[in-house]
Amino acid sequence: MSAQPAEQQVEDSTLDAEISSLIEDLLDEHQGFERAAFQALAQSYLMLLAESERLASDADRSYSRGFLRGLFSEGARPVREKES
């Protein structure tokens, strides 16, 4: 005897099933017009690329070049006394 009744279906959570579901949702959203769905998908992809480039640019500007070279502002940390 099965652990689940025949009416209950196990939800498929694989990547292929998720992609298929997203494609169906996209087509439903555009009333079955495949060209409109592809256009919306391409626009979303291009916006994602632009955002990714912007975030990468922000990350490049966010680190301290002085810190990476081992230089710090005066007073930022105690200066070691040179041993004679």
N, C-alpha and C. Protein backbone atom coordinates (compact mmCIF):
# COMPACT_ATOMS: atom_id res chain seq x y z
N MET A 1 0.84 -1.17 0.00
CA MET A 1 0.00 0.00 0.00
C MET A 1 0.89 1.23 0.00
N SER A 2 0.50 2.20 -0.77
CA SER A 2 1.28 3.42 -0.94
C SER A 2 1.11 4.33 0.27
N ALA A 3 2.15 5.10 0.55
CA ALA A 3 2.12 6.03 1.68
C ALA A 3 1.26 7.25 1.37
N GLN A 4 1.07 7.56 0.08
CA GLN A 4 0.27 8.72 -0.29
C GLN A 4 -0.90 8.27 -1.14
N PRO A 5 -2.04 8.93 -0.97
CA PRO A 5 -3.18 8.60 -1.84
C PRO A 5 -2.84 8.94 -3.29
N ALA A 6 -3.51 8.31 -4.22
CA ALA A 6 -3.24 8.49 -5.64
C ALA A 6 -3.51 9.91 -6.10
N GLU A 7 -4.43 10.61 -5.42
CA GLU A 7 -4.78 11.96 -5.84
C GLU A 7 -3.68 12.97 -5.55
N GLN A 8 -2.88 12.73 -4.53
CA GLN A 8 -1.83 13.68 -4.17
C GLN A 8 -0.61 13.49 -5.07
N GLN A 9 -0.13 14.61 -5.59
CA GLN A 9 1.06 14.55 -6.43
C GLN A 9 2.22 15.17 -5.67
N VAL A 10 3.37 14.58 -5.83
CA VAL A 10 4.56 15.11 -5.21
C VAL A 10 5.07 16.24 -6.09
N GLU A 11 5.33 17.39 -5.49
CA GLU A 11 5.79 18.55 -6.25
C GLU A 11 7.22 18.32 -6.71
N ASP A 12 7.45 18.52 -8.00
CA ASP A 12 8.78 18.35 -8.58
C ASP A 12 9.56 19.64 -8.35
N SER A 13 10.64 19.57 -7.60
CA SER A 13 11.40 20.77 -7.27
C SER A 13 12.75 20.82 -7.98
N THR A 14 12.88 20.06 -9.06
CA THR A 14 14.14 20.08 -9.79
C THR A 14 14.27 21.39 -10.55
N LEU A 15 15.47 21.71 -10.98
CA LEU A 15 15.71 22.94 -11.72
C LEU A 15 14.94 22.95 -13.03
N ASP A 16 14.88 21.82 -13.71
CA ASP A 16 14.12 21.74 -14.96
C ASP A 16 12.64 22.03 -14.75
N ALA A 17 12.08 21.50 -13.68
CA ALA A 17 10.67 21.75 -13.39
C ALA A 17 10.44 23.22 -13.05
N GLU A 18 11.36 23.82 -12.32
CA GLU A 18 11.22 25.23 -11.96
C GLU A 18 11.31 26.11 -13.20
N ILE A 19 12.24 25.81 -14.10
CA ILE A 19 12.38 26.57 -15.34
C ILE A 19 11.12 26.42 -16.20
N SER A 20 10.62 25.20 -16.31
CA SER A 20 9.40 24.97 -17.09
C SER A 20 8.22 25.76 -16.52
N SER A 21 8.13 25.80 -15.22
CA SER A 21 7.06 26.55 -14.57
C SER A 21 7.21 28.05 -14.85
N LEU A 22 8.43 28.56 -14.78
CA LEU A 22 8.66 29.97 -15.06
C LEU A 22 8.32 30.33 -16.50
N ILE A 23 8.65 29.42 -17.44
CA ILE A 23 8.32 29.65 -18.85
C ILE A 23 6.81 29.69 -19.04
N GLU A 24 6.10 28.75 -18.42
CA GLU A 24 4.65 28.73 -18.52
C GLU A 24 4.04 30.01 -17.94
N ASP A 25 4.57 30.46 -16.79
CA ASP A 25 4.07 31.69 -16.18
C ASP A 25 4.33 32.89 -17.09
N LEU A 26 5.50 32.93 -17.71
CA LEU A 26 5.84 34.04 -18.60
C LEU A 26 4.92 34.07 -19.82
N LEU A 27 4.65 32.90 -20.38
CA LEU A 27 3.74 32.83 -21.53
C LEU A 27 2.31 33.21 -21.13
N ASP A 28 1.88 32.76 -19.96
CA ASP A 28 0.54 33.13 -19.47
C ASP A 28 0.45 34.64 -19.27
N GLU A 29 1.51 35.23 -18.75
CA GLU A 29 1.53 36.67 -18.50
C GLU A 29 1.40 37.47 -19.79
N HIS A 30 1.89 36.90 -20.90
CA HIS A 30 1.84 37.59 -22.19
C HIS A 30 0.80 36.97 -23.13
N GLN A 31 -0.23 36.36 -22.57
CA GLN A 31 -1.36 35.77 -23.29
C GLN A 31 -0.92 34.84 -24.41
N GLY A 32 0.16 34.10 -24.20
CA GLY A 32 0.60 33.11 -25.17
C GLY A 32 1.45 33.66 -26.31
N PHE A 33 1.70 34.96 -26.33
CA PHE A 33 2.52 35.54 -27.39
C PHE A 33 3.99 35.31 -27.06
N GLU A 34 4.58 34.35 -27.78
CA GLU A 34 5.95 33.97 -27.48
C GLU A 34 6.94 35.10 -27.72
N ARG A 35 6.72 35.87 -28.79
CA ARG A 35 7.64 36.97 -29.10
C ARG A 35 7.64 38.01 -27.96
N ALA A 36 6.48 38.34 -27.44
CA ALA A 36 6.38 39.30 -26.33
C ALA A 36 7.06 38.74 -25.08
N ALA A 37 6.89 37.44 -24.85
CA ALA A 37 7.53 36.81 -23.69
C ALA A 37 9.05 36.83 -23.82
N PHE A 38 9.55 36.52 -25.02
CA PHE A 38 10.99 36.57 -25.24
C PHE A 38 11.53 37.99 -25.11
N GLN A 39 10.77 38.96 -25.60
CA GLN A 39 11.19 40.35 -25.49
C GLN A 39 11.28 40.78 -24.02
N ALA A 40 10.30 40.40 -23.23
CA ALA A 40 10.32 40.73 -21.80
C ALA A 40 11.49 40.04 -21.11
N LEU A 41 11.75 38.80 -21.48
CA LEU A 41 12.87 38.05 -20.91
C LEU A 41 14.19 38.70 -21.26
N ALA A 42 14.34 39.12 -22.52
CA ALA A 42 15.58 39.78 -22.97
C ALA A 42 15.77 41.11 -22.25
N GLN A 43 14.69 41.88 -22.08
CA GLN A 43 14.80 43.15 -21.36
C GLN A 43 15.23 42.93 -19.92
N SER A 44 14.66 41.93 -19.28
CA SER A 44 15.03 41.63 -17.90
C SER A 44 16.50 41.22 -17.81
N TYR A 45 16.94 40.43 -18.78
CA TYR A 45 18.32 39.97 -18.81
C TYR A 45 19.28 41.16 -18.99
N LEU A 46 18.95 42.08 -19.90
CA LEU A 46 19.82 43.24 -20.12
C LEU A 46 19.85 44.16 -18.90
N MET A 47 18.71 44.31 -18.22
CA MET A 47 18.70 45.12 -16.99
C MET A 47 19.54 44.45 -15.91
N LEU A 48 19.48 43.13 -15.83
CA LEU A 48 20.28 42.39 -14.86
C LEU A 48 21.77 42.54 -15.14
N LEU A 49 22.15 42.50 -16.43
CA LEU A 49 23.55 42.71 -16.79
C LEU A 49 24.03 44.10 -16.42
N ALA A 50 23.21 45.11 -16.70
CA ALA A 50 23.57 46.48 -16.37
C ALA A 50 23.73 46.65 -14.86
N GLU A 51 22.83 46.07 -14.10
CA GLU A 51 22.92 46.14 -12.64
C GLU A 51 24.16 45.42 -12.13
N SER A 52 24.48 44.29 -12.73
CA SER A 52 25.67 43.54 -12.35
C SER A 52 26.93 44.35 -12.61
N GLU A 53 26.99 45.04 -13.76
CA GLU A 53 28.14 45.88 -14.07
C GLU A 53 28.22 47.06 -13.10
N ARG A 54 27.08 47.64 -12.75
CA ARG A 54 27.08 48.75 -11.80
C ARG A 54 27.57 48.31 -10.43
N LEU A 55 27.13 47.13 -9.99
CA LEU A 55 27.56 46.62 -8.70
C LEU A 55 29.05 46.30 -8.70
N ALA A 56 29.55 45.76 -9.81
CA ALA A 56 30.99 45.47 -9.90
C ALA A 56 31.79 46.77 -9.86
N SER A 57 31.30 47.79 -10.52
CA SER A 57 31.96 49.10 -10.52
C SER A 57 31.97 49.69 -9.11
N ASP A 58 30.85 49.59 -8.40
CA ASP A 58 30.78 50.07 -7.02
C ASP A 58 31.75 49.31 -6.13
N ALA A 59 31.86 48.02 -6.33
CA ALA A 59 32.76 47.20 -5.52
C ALA A 59 34.21 47.60 -5.77
N ASP A 60 34.54 47.92 -7.02
CA ASP A 60 35.91 48.34 -7.33
C ASP A 60 36.26 49.65 -6.63
N ARG A 61 35.28 50.53 -6.48
CA ARG A 61 35.54 51.82 -5.84
C ARG A 61 35.43 51.75 -4.33
N SER A 62 34.93 50.67 -3.77
CA SER A 62 34.63 50.64 -2.34
C SER A 62 35.81 50.22 -1.47
N TYR A 63 36.86 49.68 -2.03
CA TYR A 63 37.97 49.28 -1.18
C TYR A 63 39.00 50.40 -1.10
N SER A 64 39.78 50.37 -0.06
CA SER A 64 40.80 51.38 0.17
C SER A 64 42.10 50.94 -0.47
N ARG A 65 42.55 51.70 -1.47
CA ARG A 65 43.81 51.36 -2.12
C ARG A 65 44.98 51.49 -1.14
N GLY A 66 44.91 52.46 -0.24
CA GLY A 66 45.95 52.61 0.77
C GLY A 66 46.01 51.39 1.69
N PHE A 67 44.87 50.88 2.05
CA PHE A 67 44.84 49.69 2.91
C PHE A 67 45.46 48.51 2.18
N LEU A 68 45.14 48.36 0.91
CA LEU A 68 45.68 47.23 0.15
C LEU A 68 47.19 47.33 -0.02
N ARG A 69 47.73 48.55 -0.08
CA ARG A 69 49.18 48.74 -0.20
C ARG A 69 49.86 48.75 1.16
N GLY A 70 49.09 48.67 2.24
CA GLY A 70 49.69 48.67 3.57
C GLY A 70 49.89 50.06 4.13
N LEU A 71 49.31 51.06 3.52
CA LEU A 71 49.43 52.44 3.99
C LEU A 71 48.19 52.82 4.76
N PHE A 72 48.36 53.58 5.83
CA PHE A 72 47.22 54.00 6.63
C PHE A 72 47.35 55.47 6.94
N SER A 73 46.25 56.07 7.30
CA SER A 73 46.26 57.48 7.71
C SER A 73 47.05 57.62 8.99
N GLU A 74 47.67 58.80 9.16
CA GLU A 74 48.43 59.06 10.38
C GLU A 74 47.48 58.98 11.57
N GLY A 75 47.87 58.27 12.59
CA GLY A 75 47.05 58.13 13.78
C GLY A 75 46.02 57.02 13.71
N ALA A 76 45.92 56.35 12.59
CA ALA A 76 44.93 55.29 12.46
C ALA A 76 45.33 54.07 13.28
N ARG A 77 46.61 53.87 13.45
CA ARG A 77 47.09 52.79 14.31
C ARG A 77 48.42 53.23 14.91
N PRO A 78 48.78 52.68 16.02
CA PRO A 78 50.02 53.10 16.66
C PRO A 78 51.23 52.81 15.77
N VAL A 79 52.15 53.74 15.75
CA VAL A 79 53.37 53.58 14.98
C VAL A 79 54.36 52.81 15.83
N ARG A 80 54.95 51.79 15.24
CA ARG A 80 55.94 50.99 15.98
C ARG A 80 57.25 51.76 16.10
N GLU A 81 57.83 51.68 17.25
CA GLU A 81 59.14 52.28 17.47
C GLU A 81 60.18 51.40 16.83
N LYS A 82 61.11 52.02 16.11
CA LYS A 82 62.18 51.23 15.48
C LYS A 82 63.15 50.80 16.57
N GLU A 83 63.50 49.54 16.53
CA GLU A 83 64.45 49.02 17.51
C GLU A 83 65.85 49.38 17.07
N SER A 84 66.66 49.89 18.02
CA SER A 84 68.04 50.29 17.69
C SER A 84 69.01 49.19 17.98
